[in-house]
Every structure is written in structure tokens, then in C-alpha cells.
Amino acid sequence: MSYVIFSEVTISLDQLLSVLLSLAGIVALVFLAILFYRMAAALKKVKDLLDEMALPLAQTVNQLPEVIKKTDQSLADVNTITESAAKNVPVILDEVTNVTSSVGETVETVADTTTNIVGTVNKLFSRGKKTRDQKVTSRPNLEGIFSKFTKVVGIINFLRRFRRKRKRSKSRKAKSKS
């Protein structure tokens, strides 16, 4: 015998929404579980990395006081050198200006002597006015030599002016300190 069963299945809208909401909740829970698993793995890697770096960091932190002491010693040495230079540099500059002025006077004397010699030699080589028929003779370029000495004398004068300005500023400083 065969029975034919016809049955109808009716699902209400509330039941359908409950089933869909339950499925969405299950999917969300699976995603949350995967997310928490990955976060736990990442945190484990960070912890391992921190454990590896703990010893070198501790050693570095322990060395900091020694480094600070050495830095303080170096700064004290630099301070001593700076103070010594502040005392010695003006004396050295005075000596340099004295030497410069002596050299300047010597060069000026040499320039004057050379000028006299050049003038005498020029008079010996010059023949006065030349006519068209006379050949032009070659002569040494003594005027070029003279111009070089003139430039040297200009440099010496510049150094003297620098020295005078320096003396003026020193005297002003001495007056302001008094």
C-alpha cells in the first residue's frame, strides 16, 4: 500500500527572520574567532620581539651613566680649551699685527728702493722721443714690475688700516670696562 502524504510547510515571517539572524550571528562569531586568533598571533610575535630586545635594551640603559660621565669630562675639557683660547688669542693677534706692520714697513722700503732702481733703469733705456725713421727697441717691462710692487704696498696699507681699527676697538673695550 502506498500512502501519499501531502504536507504543507508553513514558515512564518518571524521564524524566517530568526533563522537568518541566527545564521548572521554564527557568521559574525566565526569572523570574531578568526580575528581574535590573528590578534593573539600578532601579540605573541610582539612579545617574542620584546623578549629578544630586553637584554640589549637593559645593557644600553646600564651604560648611559658612563656615557654621561664621559660627556661631562669632554665638555669640561672643551671649556678649558675655550677659556685658554680666549686668553691667548688676543695676545697672538697683537703679535701678528706687530709682525705684519714690520713686514709692511720692510716691503714698503723694498718697494721704494725698487721704484728708484726702476726709474733709473727706465731713464737708461729710454731715448727720448723717437722719430719715424728710428726703430723701436725692445726693453724690459719694468713698469709691470713696478705695478706689482704698487699692489703689494696697497695690501700693506690695507693691513695697517686693519691694525688701526683693531687698536681702536681694543681701546674702546678698555674704556668701556673701566
N, C-alpha and C. Protein backbone atom coordinates (compact mmCIF):
# COMPACT_ATOMS: atom_id res chain seq x y z
N MET A 1 0.79 -1.15 0.00
CA MET A 1 0.00 0.00 0.00
C MET A 1 0.85 1.25 0.00
N SER A 2 0.43 2.11 -0.59
CA SER A 2 1.20 3.33 -0.66
C SER A 2 0.36 4.49 -0.19
N TYR A 3 1.02 5.22 0.56
CA TYR A 3 0.35 6.41 1.11
C TYR A 3 0.98 7.65 0.49
N VAL A 4 0.25 8.45 0.14
CA VAL A 4 0.75 9.73 -0.39
C VAL A 4 0.46 10.76 0.69
N ILE A 5 1.50 11.35 1.05
CA ILE A 5 1.34 12.35 2.10
C ILE A 5 1.68 13.71 1.46
N PHE A 6 0.73 14.45 1.56
CA PHE A 6 0.93 15.82 1.12
C PHE A 6 0.95 16.69 2.35
N SER A 7 2.01 17.31 2.50
CA SER A 7 2.03 18.18 3.66
C SER A 7 2.53 19.55 3.24
N GLU A 8 2.05 20.42 3.86
CA GLU A 8 2.46 21.78 3.57
C GLU A 8 3.33 22.27 4.73
N VAL A 9 4.33 22.99 4.34
CA VAL A 9 5.20 23.55 5.37
C VAL A 9 4.98 25.05 5.34
N THR A 10 4.62 25.52 6.42
CA THR A 10 4.42 26.97 6.51
C THR A 10 5.44 27.52 7.51
N ILE A 11 6.08 28.53 7.06
CA ILE A 11 7.07 29.20 7.92
C ILE A 11 6.61 30.64 8.06
N SER A 12 6.56 31.03 9.25
CA SER A 12 6.11 32.41 9.46
C SER A 12 7.30 33.35 9.24
N LEU A 13 6.97 34.58 9.04
CA LEU A 13 7.99 35.61 8.79
C LEU A 13 8.89 35.78 10.01
N ASP A 14 8.38 35.66 11.19
CA ASP A 14 9.17 35.76 12.42
C ASP A 14 10.19 34.63 12.48
N GLN A 15 9.77 33.44 12.10
CA GLN A 15 10.68 32.30 12.15
C GLN A 15 11.79 32.47 11.11
N LEU A 16 11.42 32.95 9.92
CA LEU A 16 12.41 33.17 8.87
C LEU A 16 13.45 34.20 9.31
N LEU A 17 13.03 35.30 9.88
CA LEU A 17 13.96 36.32 10.35
C LEU A 17 14.81 35.79 11.49
N SER A 18 14.27 34.98 12.34
CA SER A 18 15.04 34.40 13.44
C SER A 18 16.14 33.49 12.91
N VAL A 19 15.81 32.69 11.90
CA VAL A 19 16.79 31.79 11.31
C VAL A 19 17.89 32.60 10.62
N LEU A 20 17.53 33.61 9.85
CA LEU A 20 18.52 34.45 9.17
C LEU A 20 19.39 35.20 10.18
N LEU A 21 18.78 35.70 11.22
CA LEU A 21 19.54 36.41 12.25
C LEU A 21 20.48 35.45 12.98
N SER A 22 20.03 34.23 13.20
CA SER A 22 20.90 33.23 13.84
C SER A 22 22.08 32.90 12.94
N LEU A 23 21.85 32.74 11.65
CA LEU A 23 22.95 32.47 10.71
C LEU A 23 23.93 33.64 10.66
N ALA A 24 23.42 34.86 10.64
CA ALA A 24 24.30 36.05 10.64
C ALA A 24 25.12 36.09 11.92
N GLY A 25 24.53 35.75 13.04
CA GLY A 25 25.25 35.72 14.32
C GLY A 25 26.35 34.68 14.31
N ILE A 26 26.04 33.50 13.73
CA ILE A 26 27.06 32.43 13.66
C ILE A 26 28.22 32.89 12.78
N VAL A 27 27.93 33.52 11.63
CA VAL A 27 28.99 34.02 10.73
C VAL A 27 29.82 35.08 11.45
N ALA A 28 29.16 35.99 12.18
CA ALA A 28 29.87 37.04 12.91
C ALA A 28 30.76 36.43 13.99
N LEU A 29 30.29 35.41 14.67
CA LEU A 29 31.09 34.75 15.70
C LEU A 29 32.32 34.06 15.09
N VAL A 30 32.15 33.46 13.92
CA VAL A 30 33.29 32.82 13.24
C VAL A 30 34.33 33.89 12.87
N PHE A 31 33.87 35.01 12.31
CA PHE A 31 34.80 36.08 11.96
C PHE A 31 35.50 36.64 13.19
N LEU A 32 34.78 36.80 14.29
CA LEU A 32 35.39 37.27 15.52
C LEU A 32 36.42 36.28 16.05
N ALA A 33 36.12 35.01 15.93
CA ALA A 33 37.06 33.99 16.39
C ALA A 33 38.34 34.05 15.56
N ILE A 34 38.20 34.21 14.23
CA ILE A 34 39.38 34.32 13.36
C ILE A 34 40.16 35.59 13.70
N LEU A 35 39.44 36.69 13.93
CA LEU A 35 40.09 37.95 14.27
C LEU A 35 40.87 37.82 15.58
N PHE A 36 40.26 37.24 16.60
CA PHE A 36 40.95 37.07 17.88
C PHE A 36 42.16 36.14 17.75
N TYR A 37 42.06 35.14 16.93
CA TYR A 37 43.18 34.23 16.73
C TYR A 37 44.36 34.98 16.10
N ARG A 38 44.06 35.78 15.08
CA ARG A 38 45.14 36.53 14.40
C ARG A 38 45.73 37.59 15.33
N MET A 39 44.89 38.23 16.13
CA MET A 39 45.39 39.22 17.09
C MET A 39 46.28 38.56 18.13
N ALA A 40 45.91 37.36 18.56
CA ALA A 40 46.72 36.63 19.54
C ALA A 40 48.07 36.26 18.93
N ALA A 41 48.08 35.87 17.65
CA ALA A 41 49.35 35.52 16.99
C ALA A 41 50.23 36.76 16.85
N ALA A 42 49.63 37.90 16.50
CA ALA A 42 50.41 39.14 16.36
C ALA A 42 50.97 39.57 17.71
N LEU A 43 50.18 39.48 18.76
CA LEU A 43 50.65 39.84 20.09
C LEU A 43 51.76 38.90 20.56
N LYS A 44 51.69 37.65 20.17
CA LYS A 44 52.75 36.70 20.54
C LYS A 44 54.05 37.10 19.85
N LYS A 45 53.97 37.50 18.58
CA LYS A 45 55.18 37.95 17.87
C LYS A 45 55.76 39.20 18.52
N VAL A 46 54.90 40.13 18.91
CA VAL A 46 55.38 41.34 19.57
C VAL A 46 56.03 41.00 20.89
N LYS A 47 55.44 40.09 21.64
CA LYS A 47 56.01 39.68 22.92
C LYS A 47 57.38 39.02 22.71
N ASP A 48 57.48 38.14 21.71
CA ASP A 48 58.76 37.50 21.41
C ASP A 48 59.82 38.53 21.03
N LEU A 49 59.43 39.51 20.24
CA LEU A 49 60.36 40.56 19.83
C LEU A 49 60.82 41.38 21.03
N LEU A 50 59.90 41.71 21.92
CA LEU A 50 60.26 42.45 23.12
C LEU A 50 61.17 41.63 24.03
N ASP A 51 60.90 40.32 24.10
CA ASP A 51 61.77 39.46 24.91
C ASP A 51 63.18 39.42 24.34
N GLU A 52 63.30 39.40 23.02
CA GLU A 52 64.63 39.39 22.38
C GLU A 52 65.36 40.71 22.63
N MET A 53 64.63 41.82 22.64
CA MET A 53 65.24 43.14 22.77
C MET A 53 65.45 43.56 24.22
N ALA A 54 64.93 42.83 25.16
CA ALA A 54 65.01 43.23 26.57
C ALA A 54 66.47 43.30 27.05
N LEU A 55 67.26 42.30 26.75
CA LEU A 55 68.64 42.27 27.23
C LEU A 55 69.48 43.39 26.61
N PRO A 56 69.47 43.56 25.28
CA PRO A 56 70.26 44.67 24.73
C PRO A 56 69.79 46.04 25.23
N LEU A 57 68.49 46.22 25.40
CA LEU A 57 67.98 47.49 25.92
C LEU A 57 68.45 47.72 27.35
N ALA A 58 68.43 46.67 28.15
CA ALA A 58 68.87 46.79 29.54
C ALA A 58 70.36 47.15 29.59
N GLN A 59 71.17 46.51 28.73
CA GLN A 59 72.60 46.81 28.69
C GLN A 59 72.83 48.27 28.27
N THR A 60 72.07 48.73 27.29
CA THR A 60 72.22 50.10 26.82
C THR A 60 71.85 51.09 27.92
N VAL A 61 70.77 50.84 28.59
CA VAL A 61 70.35 51.72 29.69
C VAL A 61 71.38 51.71 30.81
N ASN A 62 71.98 50.58 31.08
CA ASN A 62 73.01 50.48 32.12
C ASN A 62 74.27 51.26 31.74
N GLN A 63 74.56 51.40 30.46
CA GLN A 63 75.76 52.12 30.01
C GLN A 63 75.56 53.63 29.96
N LEU A 64 74.34 54.10 30.03
CA LEU A 64 74.07 55.54 29.92
C LEU A 64 74.80 56.37 30.98
N PRO A 65 74.85 55.98 32.24
CA PRO A 65 75.58 56.83 33.21
C PRO A 65 77.06 57.01 32.85
N GLU A 66 77.71 55.96 32.36
CA GLU A 66 79.11 56.07 31.97
C GLU A 66 79.26 57.04 30.79
N VAL A 67 78.36 56.94 29.84
CA VAL A 67 78.40 57.83 28.68
C VAL A 67 78.21 59.28 29.12
N ILE A 68 77.31 59.51 30.05
CA ILE A 68 77.05 60.87 30.55
C ILE A 68 78.29 61.41 31.27
N LYS A 69 78.96 60.55 32.06
CA LYS A 69 80.18 60.99 32.75
C LYS A 69 81.26 61.37 31.75
N LYS A 70 81.45 60.55 30.71
CA LYS A 70 82.47 60.84 29.69
C LYS A 70 82.13 62.12 28.94
N THR A 71 80.84 62.33 28.69
CA THR A 71 80.41 63.56 28.01
C THR A 71 80.70 64.77 28.88
N ASP A 72 80.43 64.66 30.16
CA ASP A 72 80.72 65.76 31.08
C ASP A 72 82.22 66.07 31.11
N GLN A 73 83.05 65.03 31.12
CA GLN A 73 84.50 65.24 31.10
C GLN A 73 84.93 65.92 29.81
N SER A 74 84.37 65.49 28.69
CA SER A 74 84.72 66.09 27.40
C SER A 74 84.30 67.56 27.36
N LEU A 75 83.13 67.86 27.88
CA LEU A 75 82.67 69.25 27.91
C LEU A 75 83.56 70.11 28.81
N ALA A 76 84.02 69.53 29.91
CA ALA A 76 84.93 70.27 30.78
C ALA A 76 86.24 70.57 30.05
N ASP A 77 86.76 69.59 29.30
CA ASP A 77 87.97 69.80 28.52
C ASP A 77 87.76 70.89 27.46
N VAL A 78 86.63 70.84 26.79
CA VAL A 78 86.33 71.85 25.77
C VAL A 78 86.22 73.23 26.43
N ASN A 79 85.63 73.29 27.59
CA ASN A 79 85.52 74.56 28.31
C ASN A 79 86.90 75.10 28.66
N THR A 80 87.81 74.24 29.12
CA THR A 80 89.17 74.65 29.45
C THR A 80 89.89 75.18 28.22
N ILE A 81 89.75 74.47 27.12
CA ILE A 81 90.39 74.89 25.87
C ILE A 81 89.84 76.24 25.43
N THR A 82 88.54 76.43 25.53
CA THR A 82 87.92 77.68 25.11
C THR A 82 88.40 78.84 25.98
N GLU A 83 88.48 78.62 27.28
CA GLU A 83 88.97 79.67 28.17
C GLU A 83 90.42 80.02 27.86
N SER A 84 91.23 79.00 27.61
CA SER A 84 92.63 79.24 27.27
C SER A 84 92.75 80.01 25.96
N ALA A 85 91.94 79.64 24.99
CA ALA A 85 91.97 80.35 23.71
C ALA A 85 91.52 81.79 23.88
N ALA A 86 90.53 82.02 24.73
CA ALA A 86 90.05 83.39 24.95
C ALA A 86 91.15 84.26 25.56
N LYS A 87 92.01 83.67 26.37
CA LYS A 87 93.11 84.43 26.96
C LYS A 87 94.27 84.62 25.98
N ASN A 88 94.59 83.60 25.18
CA ASN A 88 95.78 83.62 24.34
C ASN A 88 95.58 84.24 22.97
N VAL A 89 94.39 84.16 22.42
CA VAL A 89 94.18 84.64 21.05
C VAL A 89 94.42 86.14 20.92
N PRO A 90 93.96 87.00 21.85
CA PRO A 90 94.26 88.42 21.68
C PRO A 90 95.77 88.71 21.69
N VAL A 91 96.52 88.01 22.54
CA VAL A 91 97.97 88.20 22.58
C VAL A 91 98.58 87.79 21.25
N ILE A 92 98.13 86.67 20.72
CA ILE A 92 98.65 86.19 19.43
C ILE A 92 98.30 87.17 18.32
N LEU A 93 97.09 87.70 18.35
CA LEU A 93 96.69 88.68 17.32
C LEU A 93 97.53 89.95 17.41
N ASP A 94 97.85 90.39 18.63
CA ASP A 94 98.73 91.55 18.77
C ASP A 94 100.09 91.27 18.15
N GLU A 95 100.64 90.09 18.43
CA GLU A 95 101.93 89.72 17.85
C GLU A 95 101.86 89.67 16.32
N VAL A 96 100.76 89.14 15.81
CA VAL A 96 100.61 89.06 14.35
C VAL A 96 100.54 90.46 13.75
N THR A 97 99.82 91.36 14.40
CA THR A 97 99.75 92.72 13.86
C THR A 97 101.11 93.40 13.92
N ASN A 98 101.89 93.13 14.99
CA ASN A 98 103.24 93.70 15.06
C ASN A 98 104.11 93.17 13.93
N VAL A 99 104.05 91.86 13.72
CA VAL A 99 104.84 91.26 12.64
C VAL A 99 104.37 91.79 11.29
N THR A 100 103.07 91.93 11.12
CA THR A 100 102.52 92.42 9.86
C THR A 100 102.98 93.84 9.60
N SER A 101 102.97 94.67 10.63
CA SER A 101 103.41 96.05 10.42
C SER A 101 104.89 96.09 10.09
N SER A 102 105.70 95.24 10.74
CA SER A 102 107.14 95.20 10.44
C SER A 102 107.37 94.74 9.02
N VAL A 103 106.65 93.70 8.62
CA VAL A 103 106.79 93.21 7.24
C VAL A 103 106.32 94.29 6.27
N GLY A 104 105.24 94.98 6.63
CA GLY A 104 104.74 96.05 5.76
C GLY A 104 105.75 97.16 5.56
N GLU A 105 106.41 97.56 6.64
CA GLU A 105 107.43 98.59 6.52
C GLU A 105 108.60 98.11 5.67
N THR A 106 108.98 96.86 5.85
CA THR A 106 110.08 96.31 5.06
C THR A 106 109.71 96.27 3.58
N VAL A 107 108.52 95.81 3.28
CA VAL A 107 108.09 95.74 1.88
C VAL A 107 107.98 97.14 1.29
N GLU A 108 107.53 98.08 2.09
CA GLU A 108 107.42 99.46 1.61
C GLU A 108 108.81 100.01 1.27
N THR A 109 109.78 99.71 2.11
CA THR A 109 111.15 100.15 1.85
C THR A 109 111.68 99.48 0.58
N VAL A 110 111.44 98.20 0.45
CA VAL A 110 111.87 97.49 -0.76
C VAL A 110 111.18 98.07 -1.98
N ALA A 111 109.89 98.41 -1.84
CA ALA A 111 109.16 98.97 -2.97
C ALA A 111 109.73 100.33 -3.36
N ASP A 112 110.05 101.16 -2.37
CA ASP A 112 110.64 102.46 -2.68
C ASP A 112 111.99 102.30 -3.38
N THR A 113 112.80 101.38 -2.86
CA THR A 113 114.10 101.13 -3.47
C THR A 113 113.94 100.61 -4.90
N THR A 114 113.01 99.70 -5.08
CA THR A 114 112.77 99.15 -6.42
C THR A 114 112.26 100.24 -7.36
N THR A 115 111.42 101.11 -6.84
CA THR A 115 110.91 102.21 -7.67
C THR A 115 112.06 103.09 -8.13
N ASN A 116 112.98 103.39 -7.24
CA ASN A 116 114.14 104.20 -7.61
C ASN A 116 114.99 103.50 -8.65
N ILE A 117 115.20 102.19 -8.46
CA ILE A 117 116.01 101.42 -9.42
C ILE A 117 115.31 101.37 -10.77
N VAL A 118 113.99 101.12 -10.74
CA VAL A 118 113.23 101.05 -12.00
C VAL A 118 113.28 102.39 -12.72
N GLY A 119 113.15 103.48 -11.96
CA GLY A 119 113.22 104.80 -12.60
C GLY A 119 114.57 105.03 -13.25
N THR A 120 115.63 104.65 -12.56
CA THR A 120 116.98 104.82 -13.11
C THR A 120 117.17 103.96 -14.35
N VAL A 121 116.74 102.72 -14.31
CA VAL A 121 116.89 101.82 -15.45
C VAL A 121 116.05 102.30 -16.62
N ASN A 122 114.84 102.80 -16.34
CA ASN A 122 113.99 103.33 -17.42
C ASN A 122 114.66 104.51 -18.11
N LYS A 123 115.30 105.36 -17.31
CA LYS A 123 115.99 106.51 -17.91
C LYS A 123 117.13 106.04 -18.79
N LEU A 124 117.81 104.96 -18.38
CA LEU A 124 118.92 104.45 -19.19
C LEU A 124 118.45 103.88 -20.52
N PHE A 125 117.29 103.19 -20.51
CA PHE A 125 116.81 102.55 -21.73
C PHE A 125 115.98 103.47 -22.62
N SER A 126 115.46 104.55 -22.10
CA SER A 126 114.63 105.40 -22.94
C SER A 126 115.52 106.36 -23.72
N ARG A 127 115.12 106.68 -24.95
CA ARG A 127 115.94 107.52 -25.82
C ARG A 127 115.25 108.86 -26.08
N GLY A 128 114.28 109.18 -25.30
CA GLY A 128 113.55 110.41 -25.58
C GLY A 128 112.50 110.13 -26.63
N LYS A 129 112.11 111.16 -27.40
CA LYS A 129 111.10 110.96 -28.43
C LYS A 129 111.73 110.29 -29.63
N LYS A 130 111.00 109.36 -30.21
CA LYS A 130 111.50 108.63 -31.36
C LYS A 130 110.89 109.23 -32.63
N THR A 131 111.67 109.31 -33.62
CA THR A 131 111.16 109.79 -34.89
C THR A 131 110.66 108.60 -35.68
N ARG A 132 110.07 108.88 -36.83
CA ARG A 132 109.52 107.79 -37.64
C ARG A 132 110.61 106.89 -38.21
N ASP A 133 111.75 107.40 -38.42
CA ASP A 133 112.82 106.62 -39.05
C ASP A 133 113.51 105.69 -38.06
N GLN A 134 113.44 105.98 -36.76
CA GLN A 134 114.13 105.15 -35.79
C GLN A 134 113.35 103.87 -35.54
N LYS A 135 114.10 102.81 -35.27
CA LYS A 135 113.48 101.54 -34.93
C LYS A 135 113.10 101.56 -33.46
N VAL A 136 112.01 100.87 -33.18
CA VAL A 136 111.59 100.76 -31.79
C VAL A 136 112.36 99.60 -31.17
N THR A 137 113.09 99.89 -30.13
CA THR A 137 113.86 98.83 -29.48
C THR A 137 113.03 98.20 -28.38
N SER A 138 113.27 96.94 -28.19
CA SER A 138 112.54 96.26 -27.11
C SER A 138 113.25 96.54 -25.80
N ARG A 139 112.48 96.72 -24.77
CA ARG A 139 113.06 96.98 -23.46
C ARG A 139 112.30 96.16 -22.43
N PRO A 140 112.86 95.93 -21.29
CA PRO A 140 112.19 95.12 -20.27
C PRO A 140 110.93 95.82 -19.76
N ASN A 141 109.98 95.03 -19.34
CA ASN A 141 108.71 95.55 -18.85
C ASN A 141 108.85 95.93 -17.37
N LEU A 142 109.57 96.99 -17.13
CA LEU A 142 109.82 97.43 -15.77
C LEU A 142 108.57 98.07 -15.17
N GLU A 143 107.75 98.62 -16.00
CA GLU A 143 106.52 99.22 -15.50
C GLU A 143 105.60 98.15 -14.89
N GLY A 144 105.61 96.95 -15.49
CA GLY A 144 104.83 95.84 -14.93
C GLY A 144 105.33 95.44 -13.56
N ILE A 145 106.68 95.42 -13.42
CA ILE A 145 107.27 95.09 -12.13
C ILE A 145 106.88 96.15 -11.10
N PHE A 146 106.95 97.39 -11.51
CA PHE A 146 106.59 98.49 -10.62
C PHE A 146 105.13 98.38 -10.18
N SER A 147 104.25 97.99 -11.10
CA SER A 147 102.83 97.88 -10.75
C SER A 147 102.61 96.76 -9.72
N LYS A 148 103.40 95.70 -9.82
CA LYS A 148 103.28 94.62 -8.83
C LYS A 148 103.66 95.12 -7.44
N PHE A 149 104.74 95.88 -7.35
CA PHE A 149 105.14 96.41 -6.06
C PHE A 149 104.12 97.40 -5.53
N THR A 150 103.50 98.13 -6.43
CA THR A 150 102.45 99.05 -6.00
C THR A 150 101.29 98.28 -5.38
N LYS A 151 100.95 97.13 -5.95
CA LYS A 151 99.88 96.31 -5.38
C LYS A 151 100.27 95.79 -4.01
N VAL A 152 101.52 95.39 -3.84
CA VAL A 152 101.99 94.91 -2.54
C VAL A 152 101.88 96.02 -1.51
N VAL A 153 102.26 97.23 -1.90
CA VAL A 153 102.16 98.36 -0.98
C VAL A 153 100.69 98.61 -0.61
N GLY A 154 99.79 98.44 -1.56
CA GLY A 154 98.36 98.60 -1.26
C GLY A 154 97.88 97.58 -0.25
N ILE A 155 98.34 96.36 -0.37
CA ILE A 155 97.97 95.31 0.59
C ILE A 155 98.50 95.66 1.98
N ILE A 156 99.72 96.15 2.02
CA ILE A 156 100.31 96.53 3.32
C ILE A 156 99.50 97.67 3.94
N ASN A 157 99.11 98.63 3.15
CA ASN A 157 98.29 99.73 3.68
C ASN A 157 96.96 99.21 4.21
N PHE A 158 96.39 98.24 3.52
CA PHE A 158 95.14 97.64 3.99
C PHE A 158 95.35 96.98 5.36
N LEU A 159 96.45 96.24 5.50
CA LEU A 159 96.73 95.57 6.77
C LEU A 159 96.96 96.60 7.88
N ARG A 160 97.60 97.71 7.56
CA ARG A 160 97.80 98.75 8.56
C ARG A 160 96.46 99.34 9.01
N ARG A 161 95.55 99.58 8.05
CA ARG A 161 94.25 100.11 8.42
C ARG A 161 93.50 99.11 9.30
N PHE A 162 93.64 97.83 8.98
CA PHE A 162 93.00 96.79 9.80
C PHE A 162 93.56 96.83 11.22
N ARG A 163 94.87 97.00 11.35
CA ARG A 163 95.51 97.06 12.65
C ARG A 163 95.03 98.28 13.43
N ARG A 164 94.91 99.42 12.75
CA ARG A 164 94.44 100.63 13.43
C ARG A 164 93.01 100.44 13.93
N LYS A 165 92.16 99.82 13.10
CA LYS A 165 90.78 99.58 13.54
C LYS A 165 90.76 98.67 14.75
N ARG A 166 91.62 97.69 14.73
CA ARG A 166 91.68 96.75 15.85
C ARG A 166 92.13 97.45 17.12
N LYS A 167 93.14 98.33 17.01
CA LYS A 167 93.60 99.07 18.18
C LYS A 167 92.50 99.98 18.70
N ARG A 168 91.75 100.59 17.80
CA ARG A 168 90.65 101.46 18.23
C ARG A 168 89.60 100.66 18.98
N SER A 169 89.26 99.48 18.45
CA SER A 169 88.24 98.68 19.12
C SER A 169 88.75 98.19 20.48
N LYS A 170 90.04 97.89 20.58
CA LYS A 170 90.62 97.49 21.86
C LYS A 170 90.55 98.62 22.86
N SER A 171 90.90 99.83 22.43
CA SER A 171 90.87 100.95 23.34
C SER A 171 89.44 101.26 23.77
N ARG A 172 88.48 101.10 22.87
CA ARG A 172 87.08 101.29 23.24
C ARG A 172 86.63 100.27 24.26
N LYS A 173 87.04 99.00 24.06
CA LYS A 173 86.69 97.96 25.01
C LYS A 173 87.31 98.24 26.37
N ALA A 174 88.57 98.71 26.37
CA ALA A 174 89.25 99.00 27.63
C ALA A 174 88.56 100.16 28.34
N LYS A 175 88.11 101.15 27.59
CA LYS A 175 87.41 102.27 28.20
C LYS A 175 86.06 101.83 28.74
N SER A 176 85.37 100.96 28.03
CA SER A 176 84.05 100.51 28.49
C SER A 176 84.15 99.62 29.73
N LYS A 177 85.26 98.90 29.87
CA LYS A 177 85.45 98.06 31.05
C LYS A 177 85.79 98.89 32.28
N SER A 178 86.41 100.05 32.05
CA SER A 178 86.83 100.90 33.17
C SER A 178 85.71 101.62 33.83
